[in-house]
Amino acid sequence: MHLEKNLRVLSGIQPSGALHLGNYFGMMSRMIKYQEENELFCFIANYHAMTTLPDSKTLSSNTFNAACDFLALGLDPEKSTFWVQSDVPQVTELTWMLASHASVGLMDRATSYKDKIARGIKPNMGLYAYPVLMAADILLFDSQIVPVGKDQKQHLEMTRDMAIRFNNTYGETLIVPKPDIEKTTQLVPGIDGQKMSKSYNNTIPLFDTDKKLRKQI
């Protein structure tokens, strides 16, 4: 998808572990490119990571490292707005407002929640309500475009649904964002052939020693 210039583009990344090649090719490289011609809003989604990484010290360390990695790869704070999710309390305020407009039926259709539970991840309300927090992340900042992979497309559709319901109740308050689905970007396979993901424990980290990388591959 070729974007018009000067649109507000938003995306975030979870610090649930060391960033890997799948993160770079799936999201980070696109964000670094978007900052040149668009208004880029980019954040470290540490609240989302709490659903599977409750240890505060590890989460804090991962959040810091994720920010450093992004900057090292070329994200420019002079050309973008870059922040940590938990530093913006309005996100959780909007989450509650949106939750009041998210039907149980809508939430039950979230395939990513079902997939995580099927893979043995312990269910919790944070995982179940993940799409509502994601919607707040997007809608709070008047995002016009949200780059998503095919596996996140449904979540953005849910965001649009919540925004429309909210606007029908309170007037045209929220911008209903559009997806940017990069059709030419393929899923990066992990060392086991599945999609590279921290959840599958099959990732190749962006930064590691040659010895460790050779052993892992």
C-alpha atoms as a PDB file:
ATOM      1  CA  MET A   1       0.000   0.000   0.000  1.00  0.00           C
ATOM      2  CA  HIS A   2       1.383   3.398  -1.008  1.00  0.00           C
ATOM      3  CA  LEU A   3       0.500   6.005   1.602  1.00  0.00           C
ATOM      4  CA  GLU A   4      -0.270   9.618   0.976  1.00  0.00           C
ATOM      5  CA  LYS A   5       2.224  11.933   2.595  1.00  0.00           C
ATOM      6  CA  ASN A   6       1.708  13.682   5.935  1.00  0.00           C
ATOM      7  CA  LEU A   7      -0.756  11.187   7.391  1.00  0.00           C
ATOM      8  CA  ARG A   8      -0.596  10.307  11.075  1.00  0.00           C
ATOM      9  CA  VAL A   9       0.684   6.732  11.302  1.00  0.00           C
ATOM     10  CA  LEU A  10       0.744   4.829  14.613  1.00  0.00           C
ATOM     11  CA  SER A  11       2.197   1.520  15.681  1.00  0.00           C
ATOM     12  CA  GLY A  12       3.566  -0.094  18.829  1.00  0.00           C
ATOM     13  CA  ILE A  13       5.695  -3.036  19.821  1.00  0.00           C
ATOM     14  CA  GLN A  14       5.528  -5.254  22.908  1.00  0.00           C
ATOM     15  CA  PRO A  15       8.645  -5.595  25.100  1.00  0.00           C
ATOM     16  CA  SER A  16       7.756  -9.148  26.089  1.00  0.00           C
ATOM     17  CA  GLY A  17      11.257 -10.344  25.209  1.00  0.00           C
ATOM     18  CA  ALA A  18      14.318  -9.513  23.145  1.00  0.00           C
ATOM     19  CA  LEU A  19      13.350  -7.942  19.824  1.00  0.00           C
ATOM     20  CA  HIS A  20      13.924 -10.251  16.879  1.00  0.00           C
ATOM     21  CA  LEU A  21      14.089 -10.401  13.082  1.00  0.00           C
ATOM     22  CA  GLY A  22      10.334 -10.895  12.839  1.00  0.00           C
ATOM     23  CA  ASN A  23       9.809  -7.604  14.690  1.00  0.00           C
ATOM     24  CA  TYR A  24      12.210  -5.803  12.390  1.00  0.00           C
ATOM     25  CA  PHE A  25      10.842  -6.983   9.053  1.00  0.00           C
ATOM     26  CA  GLY A  26       7.234  -7.068  10.208  1.00  0.00           C
ATOM     27  CA  MET A  27       7.010  -3.654  11.848  1.00  0.00           C
ATOM     28  CA  MET A  28      10.169  -1.779  12.810  1.00  0.00           C
ATOM     29  CA  SER A  29      11.623  -1.282   9.327  1.00  0.00           C
ATOM     30  CA  ARG A  30       8.274   0.035   8.116  1.00  0.00           C
ATOM     31  CA  MET A  31       8.082   2.544  10.960  1.00  0.00           C
ATOM     32  CA  ILE A  32      11.569   3.830  10.255  1.00  0.00           C
ATOM     33  CA  LYS A  33      10.533   4.333   6.627  1.00  0.00           C
ATOM     34  CA  TYR A  34       7.255   6.069   7.482  1.00  0.00           C
ATOM     35  CA  GLN A  35       8.959   8.733   9.595  1.00  0.00           C
ATOM     36  CA  GLU A  36      10.415  10.288   6.438  1.00  0.00           C
ATOM     37  CA  GLU A  37       7.113  11.304   4.835  1.00  0.00           C
ATOM     38  CA  ASN A  38       4.444  10.969   7.518  1.00  0.00           C
ATOM     39  CA  GLU A  39       3.669  11.986  11.085  1.00  0.00           C
ATOM     40  CA  LEU A  40       4.863   8.880  12.906  1.00  0.00           C
ATOM     41  CA  PHE A  41       3.619   7.988  16.381  1.00  0.00           C
ATOM     42  CA  CYS A  42       5.427   4.951  17.790  1.00  0.00           C
ATOM     43  CA  PHE A  43       5.370   3.451  21.296  1.00  0.00           C
ATOM     44  CA  ILE A  44       6.605   0.612  23.497  1.00  0.00           C
ATOM     45  CA  ALA A  45       3.488  -1.316  24.561  1.00  0.00           C
ATOM     46  CA  ASN A  46       4.526  -2.354  28.065  1.00  0.00           C
ATOM     47  CA  TYR A  47       0.944  -2.646  29.365  1.00  0.00           C
ATOM     48  CA  HIS A  48       0.212  -5.236  26.691  1.00  0.00           C
ATOM     49  CA  ALA A  49       3.335  -7.179  27.671  1.00  0.00           C
ATOM     50  CA  MET A  50       2.080  -7.479  31.264  1.00  0.00           C
ATOM     51  CA  THR A  51      -0.469 -10.072  30.158  1.00  0.00           C
ATOM     52  CA  THR A  52       2.309 -12.626  29.634  1.00  0.00           C
ATOM     53  CA  LEU A  53       5.248 -11.054  31.488  1.00  0.00           C
ATOM     54  CA  PRO A  54       4.180 -10.048  35.010  1.00  0.00           C
ATOM     55  CA  ASP A  55       7.710  -9.722  36.468  1.00  0.00           C
ATOM     56  CA  SER A  56       8.260  -5.983  36.889  1.00  0.00           C
ATOM     57  CA  LYS A  57      12.074  -6.010  36.755  1.00  0.00           C
ATOM     58  CA  THR A  58      12.189  -8.030  33.555  1.00  0.00           C
ATOM     59  CA  LEU A  59       9.468  -5.914  31.967  1.00  0.00           C
ATOM     60  CA  SER A  60      11.252  -2.687  32.899  1.00  0.00           C
ATOM     61  CA  SER A  61      14.521  -3.973  31.458  1.00  0.00           C
ATOM     62  CA  ASN A  62      12.841  -5.185  28.269  1.00  0.00           C
ATOM     63  CA  THR A  63      11.083  -1.842  27.830  1.00  0.00           C
ATOM     64  CA  PHE A  64      14.348   0.071  28.085  1.00  0.00           C
ATOM     65  CA  ASN A  65      16.131  -2.336  25.741  1.00  0.00           C
ATOM     66  CA  ALA A  66      13.326  -2.174  23.170  1.00  0.00           C
ATOM     67  CA  ALA A  67      13.556   1.619  23.097  1.00  0.00           C
ATOM     68  CA  CYS A  68      17.339   1.462  22.694  1.00  0.00           C
ATOM     69  CA  ASP A  69      17.055  -1.112  19.893  1.00  0.00           C
ATOM     70  CA  PHE A  70      14.530   0.985  18.000  1.00  0.00           C
ATOM     71  CA  LEU A  71      16.720   4.070  18.231  1.00  0.00           C
ATOM     72  CA  ALA A  72      19.810   2.089  17.217  1.00  0.00           C
ATOM     73  CA  LEU A  73      18.018   0.827  14.104  1.00  0.00           C
ATOM     74  CA  GLY A  74      17.166   4.311  12.924  1.00  0.00           C
ATOM     75  CA  LEU A  75      14.046   5.646  14.636  1.00  0.00           C
ATOM     76  CA  ASP A  76      14.624   9.401  14.892  1.00  0.00           C
ATOM     77  CA  PRO A  77      12.958  11.281  17.802  1.00  0.00           C
ATOM     78  CA  GLU A  78      13.336  14.464  15.736  1.00  0.00           C
ATOM     79  CA  LYS A  79      11.109  12.985  13.027  1.00  0.00           C
ATOM     80  CA  SER A  80       8.661  11.016  15.164  1.00  0.00           C
ATOM     81  CA  THR A  81       6.840  10.912  18.496  1.00  0.00           C
ATOM     82  CA  PHE A  82       8.165   8.035  20.604  1.00  0.00           C
ATOM     83  CA  TRP A  83       6.958   7.050  24.077  1.00  0.00           C
ATOM     84  CA  VAL A  84       6.286   4.263  26.570  1.00  0.00           C
ATOM     85  CA  GLN A  85       2.640   3.251  26.853  1.00  0.00           C
ATOM     86  CA  SER A  86       2.449   3.445  30.659  1.00  0.00           C
ATOM     87  CA  ASP A  87       3.640   7.069  30.619  1.00  0.00           C
ATOM     88  CA  VAL A  88       0.286   8.167  29.149  1.00  0.00           C
ATOM     89  CA  PRO A  89      -2.479   7.602  31.757  1.00  0.00           C
ATOM     90  CA  GLN A  90      -5.170   8.768  29.343  1.00  0.00           C
ATOM     91  CA  VAL A  91      -4.755   5.454  27.514  1.00  0.00           C
ATOM     92  CA  THR A  92      -6.250   3.488  30.402  1.00  0.00           C
ATOM     93  CA  GLU A  93      -8.996   6.105  30.855  1.00  0.00           C
ATOM     94  CA  LEU A  94     -10.059   5.712  27.236  1.00  0.00           C
ATOM     95  CA  THR A  95      -9.786   1.930  27.573  1.00  0.00           C
ATOM     96  CA  TRP A  96     -12.530   1.978  30.192  1.00  0.00           C
ATOM     97  CA  MET A  97     -14.737   4.238  28.071  1.00  0.00           C
ATOM     98  CA  LEU A  98     -14.315   1.999  25.036  1.00  0.00           C
ATOM     99  CA  ALA A  99     -14.934  -1.135  27.109  1.00  0.00           C
ATOM    100  CA  SER A 100     -18.424   0.201  27.758  1.00  0.00           C
ATOM    101  CA  HIS A 101     -19.016   0.117  23.998  1.00  0.00           C
ATOM    102  CA  ALA A 102     -17.420  -3.257  23.285  1.00  0.00           C
ATOM    103  CA  SER A 103     -19.958  -6.071  23.258  1.00  0.00           C
ATOM    104  CA  VAL A 104     -19.141  -9.481  24.675  1.00  0.00           C
ATOM    105  CA  GLY A 105     -19.910 -10.952  21.273  1.00  0.00           C
ATOM    106  CA  LEU A 106     -17.295  -8.708  19.668  1.00  0.00           C
ATOM    107  CA  MET A 107     -14.661  -9.724  22.210  1.00  0.00           C
ATOM    108  CA  ASP A 108     -15.504 -13.420  21.920  1.00  0.00           C
ATOM    109  CA  ARG A 109     -14.718 -13.300  18.205  1.00  0.00           C
ATOM    110  CA  ALA A 110     -11.068 -12.333  18.801  1.00  0.00           C
ATOM    111  CA  THR A 111      -9.115 -15.186  17.239  1.00  0.00           C
ATOM    112  CA  SER A 112      -5.777 -14.153  18.777  1.00  0.00           C
ATOM    113  CA  TYR A 113      -7.131 -14.765  22.300  1.00  0.00           C
ATOM    114  CA  LYS A 114      -8.337 -18.228  21.314  1.00  0.00           C
ATOM    115  CA  ASP A 115      -4.988 -18.955  19.684  1.00  0.00           C
ATOM    116  CA  LYS A 116      -3.020 -17.988  22.804  1.00  0.00           C
ATOM    117  CA  ILE A 117      -5.203 -20.124  25.051  1.00  0.00           C
ATOM    118  CA  ALA A 118      -4.888 -23.047  22.646  1.00  0.00           C
ATOM    119  CA  ARG A 119      -1.093 -22.746  22.928  1.00  0.00           C
ATOM    120  CA  GLY A 120      -1.268 -23.096  26.687  1.00  0.00           C
ATOM    121  CA  ILE A 121      -1.023 -19.467  27.780  1.00  0.00           C
ATOM    122  CA  LYS A 122      -2.924 -18.997  31.025  1.00  0.00           C
ATOM    123  CA  PRO A 123      -6.098 -16.986  30.356  1.00  0.00           C
ATOM    124  CA  ASN A 124      -6.585 -13.664  32.117  1.00  0.00           C
ATOM    125  CA  MET A 125      -8.733 -10.584  31.647  1.00  0.00           C
ATOM    126  CA  GLY A 126      -5.795  -8.645  30.227  1.00  0.00           C
ATOM    127  CA  LEU A 127      -5.487 -11.097  27.343  1.00  0.00           C
ATOM    128  CA  TYR A 128      -9.240 -11.082  26.788  1.00  0.00           C
ATOM    129  CA  ALA A 129      -9.464  -7.281  26.797  1.00  0.00           C
ATOM    130  CA  TYR A 130      -6.302  -6.811  24.715  1.00  0.00           C
ATOM    131  CA  PRO A 131      -8.266  -5.454  21.709  1.00  0.00           C
ATOM    132  CA  VAL A 132      -9.840  -2.718  23.852  1.00  0.00           C
ATOM    133  CA  LEU A 133      -6.491  -1.452  25.116  1.00  0.00           C
ATOM    134  CA  MET A 134      -5.146  -1.633  21.565  1.00  0.00           C
ATOM    135  CA  ALA A 135      -8.114   0.433  20.388  1.00  0.00           C
ATOM    136  CA  ALA A 136      -7.382   3.074  23.038  1.00  0.00           C
ATOM    137  CA  ASP A 137      -3.726   3.193  21.973  1.00  0.00           C
ATOM    138  CA  ILE A 138      -4.828   3.952  18.434  1.00  0.00           C
ATOM    139  CA  LEU A 139      -7.819   6.223  18.956  1.00  0.00           C
ATOM    140  CA  LEU A 140      -6.357   8.457  21.670  1.00  0.00           C
ATOM    141  CA  PHE A 141      -3.822   9.917  19.249  1.00  0.00           C
ATOM    142  CA  ASP A 142      -6.189  10.546  16.315  1.00  0.00           C
ATOM    143  CA  SER A 143      -4.343   7.980  14.234  1.00  0.00           C
ATOM    144  CA  GLN A 144      -5.309   7.907  10.576  1.00  0.00           C
ATOM    145  CA  ILE A 145      -3.297   4.883   9.449  1.00  0.00           C
ATOM    146  CA  VAL A 146      -2.280   1.776  11.411  1.00  0.00           C
ATOM    147  CA  PRO A 147       0.186  -0.639   9.786  1.00  0.00           C
ATOM    148  CA  VAL A 148      -0.868  -4.174  10.666  1.00  0.00           C
ATOM    149  CA  GLY A 149       0.035  -7.684   9.669  1.00  0.00           C
ATOM    150  CA  LYS A 150      -2.604 -10.124   8.548  1.00  0.00           C
ATOM    151  CA  ASP A 151      -2.685 -11.583  12.069  1.00  0.00           C
ATOM    152  CA  GLN A 152      -3.580  -8.171  13.555  1.00  0.00           C
ATOM    153  CA  LYS A 153      -6.132  -7.132  10.935  1.00  0.00           C
ATOM    154  CA  GLN A 154      -9.055  -8.361  13.040  1.00  0.00           C
ATOM    155  CA  HIS A 155      -7.966  -6.253  16.016  1.00  0.00           C
ATOM    156  CA  LEU A 156      -8.005  -3.112  13.889  1.00  0.00           C
ATOM    157  CA  GLU A 157     -11.457  -4.018  12.603  1.00  0.00           C
ATOM    158  CA  MET A 158     -12.543  -4.250  16.248  1.00  0.00           C
ATOM    159  CA  THR A 159     -10.974  -0.837  16.891  1.00  0.00           C
ATOM    160  CA  ARG A 160     -12.978   0.640  14.035  1.00  0.00           C
ATOM    161  CA  ASP A 161     -16.142  -0.980  15.392  1.00  0.00           C
ATOM    162  CA  MET A 162     -15.602   0.515  18.857  1.00  0.00           C
ATOM    163  CA  ALA A 163     -14.833   3.955  17.410  1.00  0.00           C
ATOM    164  CA  ILE A 164     -17.999   3.944  15.312  1.00  0.00           C
ATOM    165  CA  ARG A 165     -20.119   2.874  18.294  1.00  0.00           C
ATOM    166  CA  PHE A 166     -18.518   5.587  20.443  1.00  0.00           C
ATOM    167  CA  ASN A 167     -19.169   8.237  17.787  1.00  0.00           C
ATOM    168  CA  ASN A 168     -22.768   7.126  17.368  1.00  0.00           C
ATOM    169  CA  THR A 169     -23.275   7.757  21.084  1.00  0.00           C
ATOM    170  CA  TYR A 170     -21.240  10.918  21.669  1.00  0.00           C
ATOM    171  CA  GLY A 171     -20.946  12.487  18.231  1.00  0.00           C
ATOM    172  CA  GLU A 172     -18.008  12.518  15.834  1.00  0.00           C
ATOM    173  CA  THR A 173     -15.295  12.420  18.493  1.00  0.00           C
ATOM    174  CA  LEU A 174     -12.876   9.715  17.382  1.00  0.00           C
ATOM    175  CA  ILE A 175     -11.114   9.315  14.052  1.00  0.00           C
ATOM    176  CA  VAL A 176     -11.874   5.912  12.550  1.00  0.00           C
ATOM    177  CA  PRO A 177      -8.459   4.652  11.393  1.00  0.00           C
ATOM    178  CA  LYS A 178      -7.649   2.742   8.237  1.00  0.00           C
ATOM    179  CA  PRO A 179      -5.293  -0.244   8.027  1.00  0.00           C
ATOM    180  CA  ASP A 180      -2.074  -0.354   6.057  1.00  0.00           C
ATOM    181  CA  ILE A 181      -1.578  -4.017   5.235  1.00  0.00           C
ATOM    182  CA  GLU A 182       1.716  -4.602   3.460  1.00  0.00           C
ATOM    183  CA  LYS A 183       0.807  -7.383   1.054  1.00  0.00           C
ATOM    184  CA  THR A 184       4.378  -7.908  -0.128  1.00  0.00           C
ATOM    185  CA  THR A 185       5.739  -8.555   3.373  1.00  0.00           C
ATOM    186  CA  GLN A 186       5.774 -12.249   4.185  1.00  0.00           C
ATOM    187  CA  LEU A 187       5.719 -13.697   7.674  1.00  0.00           C
ATOM    188  CA  VAL A 188       9.272 -14.269   8.876  1.00  0.00           C
ATOM    189  CA  PRO A 189       9.683 -17.944   9.830  1.00  0.00           C
ATOM    190  CA  GLY A 190      11.239 -18.862  13.152  1.00  0.00           C
ATOM    191  CA  ILE A 191      13.838 -21.543  13.728  1.00  0.00           C
ATOM    192  CA  ASP A 192      11.062 -24.169  13.818  1.00  0.00           C
ATOM    193  CA  GLY A 193       9.359 -23.045  10.601  1.00  0.00           C
ATOM    194  CA  GLN A 194       6.382 -21.387  12.302  1.00  0.00           C
ATOM    195  CA  LYS A 195       5.835 -17.632  12.342  1.00  0.00           C
ATOM    196  CA  MET A 196       8.691 -16.078  14.311  1.00  0.00           C
ATOM    197  CA  SER A 197       7.217 -15.086  17.662  1.00  0.00           C
ATOM    198  CA  LYS A 198       8.310 -14.817  21.273  1.00  0.00           C
ATOM    199  CA  SER A 199       5.194 -16.819  22.127  1.00  0.00           C
ATOM    200  CA  TYR A 200       6.574 -19.751  20.132  1.00  0.00           C
ATOM    201  CA  ASN A 201      10.098 -19.426  21.571  1.00  0.00           C
ATOM    202  CA  ASN A 202      11.539 -19.648  18.053  1.00  0.00           C
ATOM    203  CA  THR A 203      13.046 -16.199  17.526  1.00  0.00           C
ATOM    204  CA  ILE A 204      16.392 -14.949  16.246  1.00  0.00           C
ATOM    205  CA  PRO A 205      17.332 -11.813  18.223  1.00  0.00           C
ATOM    206  CA  LEU A 206      18.364  -8.624  16.473  1.00  0.00           C
ATOM    207  CA  PHE A 207      21.453  -8.180  18.598  1.00  0.00           C
ATOM    208  CA  ASP A 208      23.503 -11.092  19.919  1.00  0.00           C
ATOM    209  CA  THR A 209      26.986 -12.555  19.692  1.00  0.00           C
ATOM    210  CA  ASP A 210      28.039 -14.536  16.613  1.00  0.00           C
ATOM    211  CA  LYS A 211      28.559 -17.604  18.780  1.00  0.00           C
ATOM    212  CA  LYS A 212      25.043 -17.524  20.213  1.00  0.00           C
ATOM    213  CA  LEU A 213      23.446 -16.853  16.834  1.00  0.00           C
ATOM    214  CA  ARG A 214      25.255 -19.747  15.158  1.00  0.00           C
ATOM    215  CA  LYS A 215      24.254 -22.105  17.959  1.00  0.00           C
ATOM    216  CA  GLN A 216      20.628 -21.006  17.770  1.00  0.00           C
ATOM    217  CA  ILE A 217      20.339 -21.294  14.002  1.00  0.00           C
END
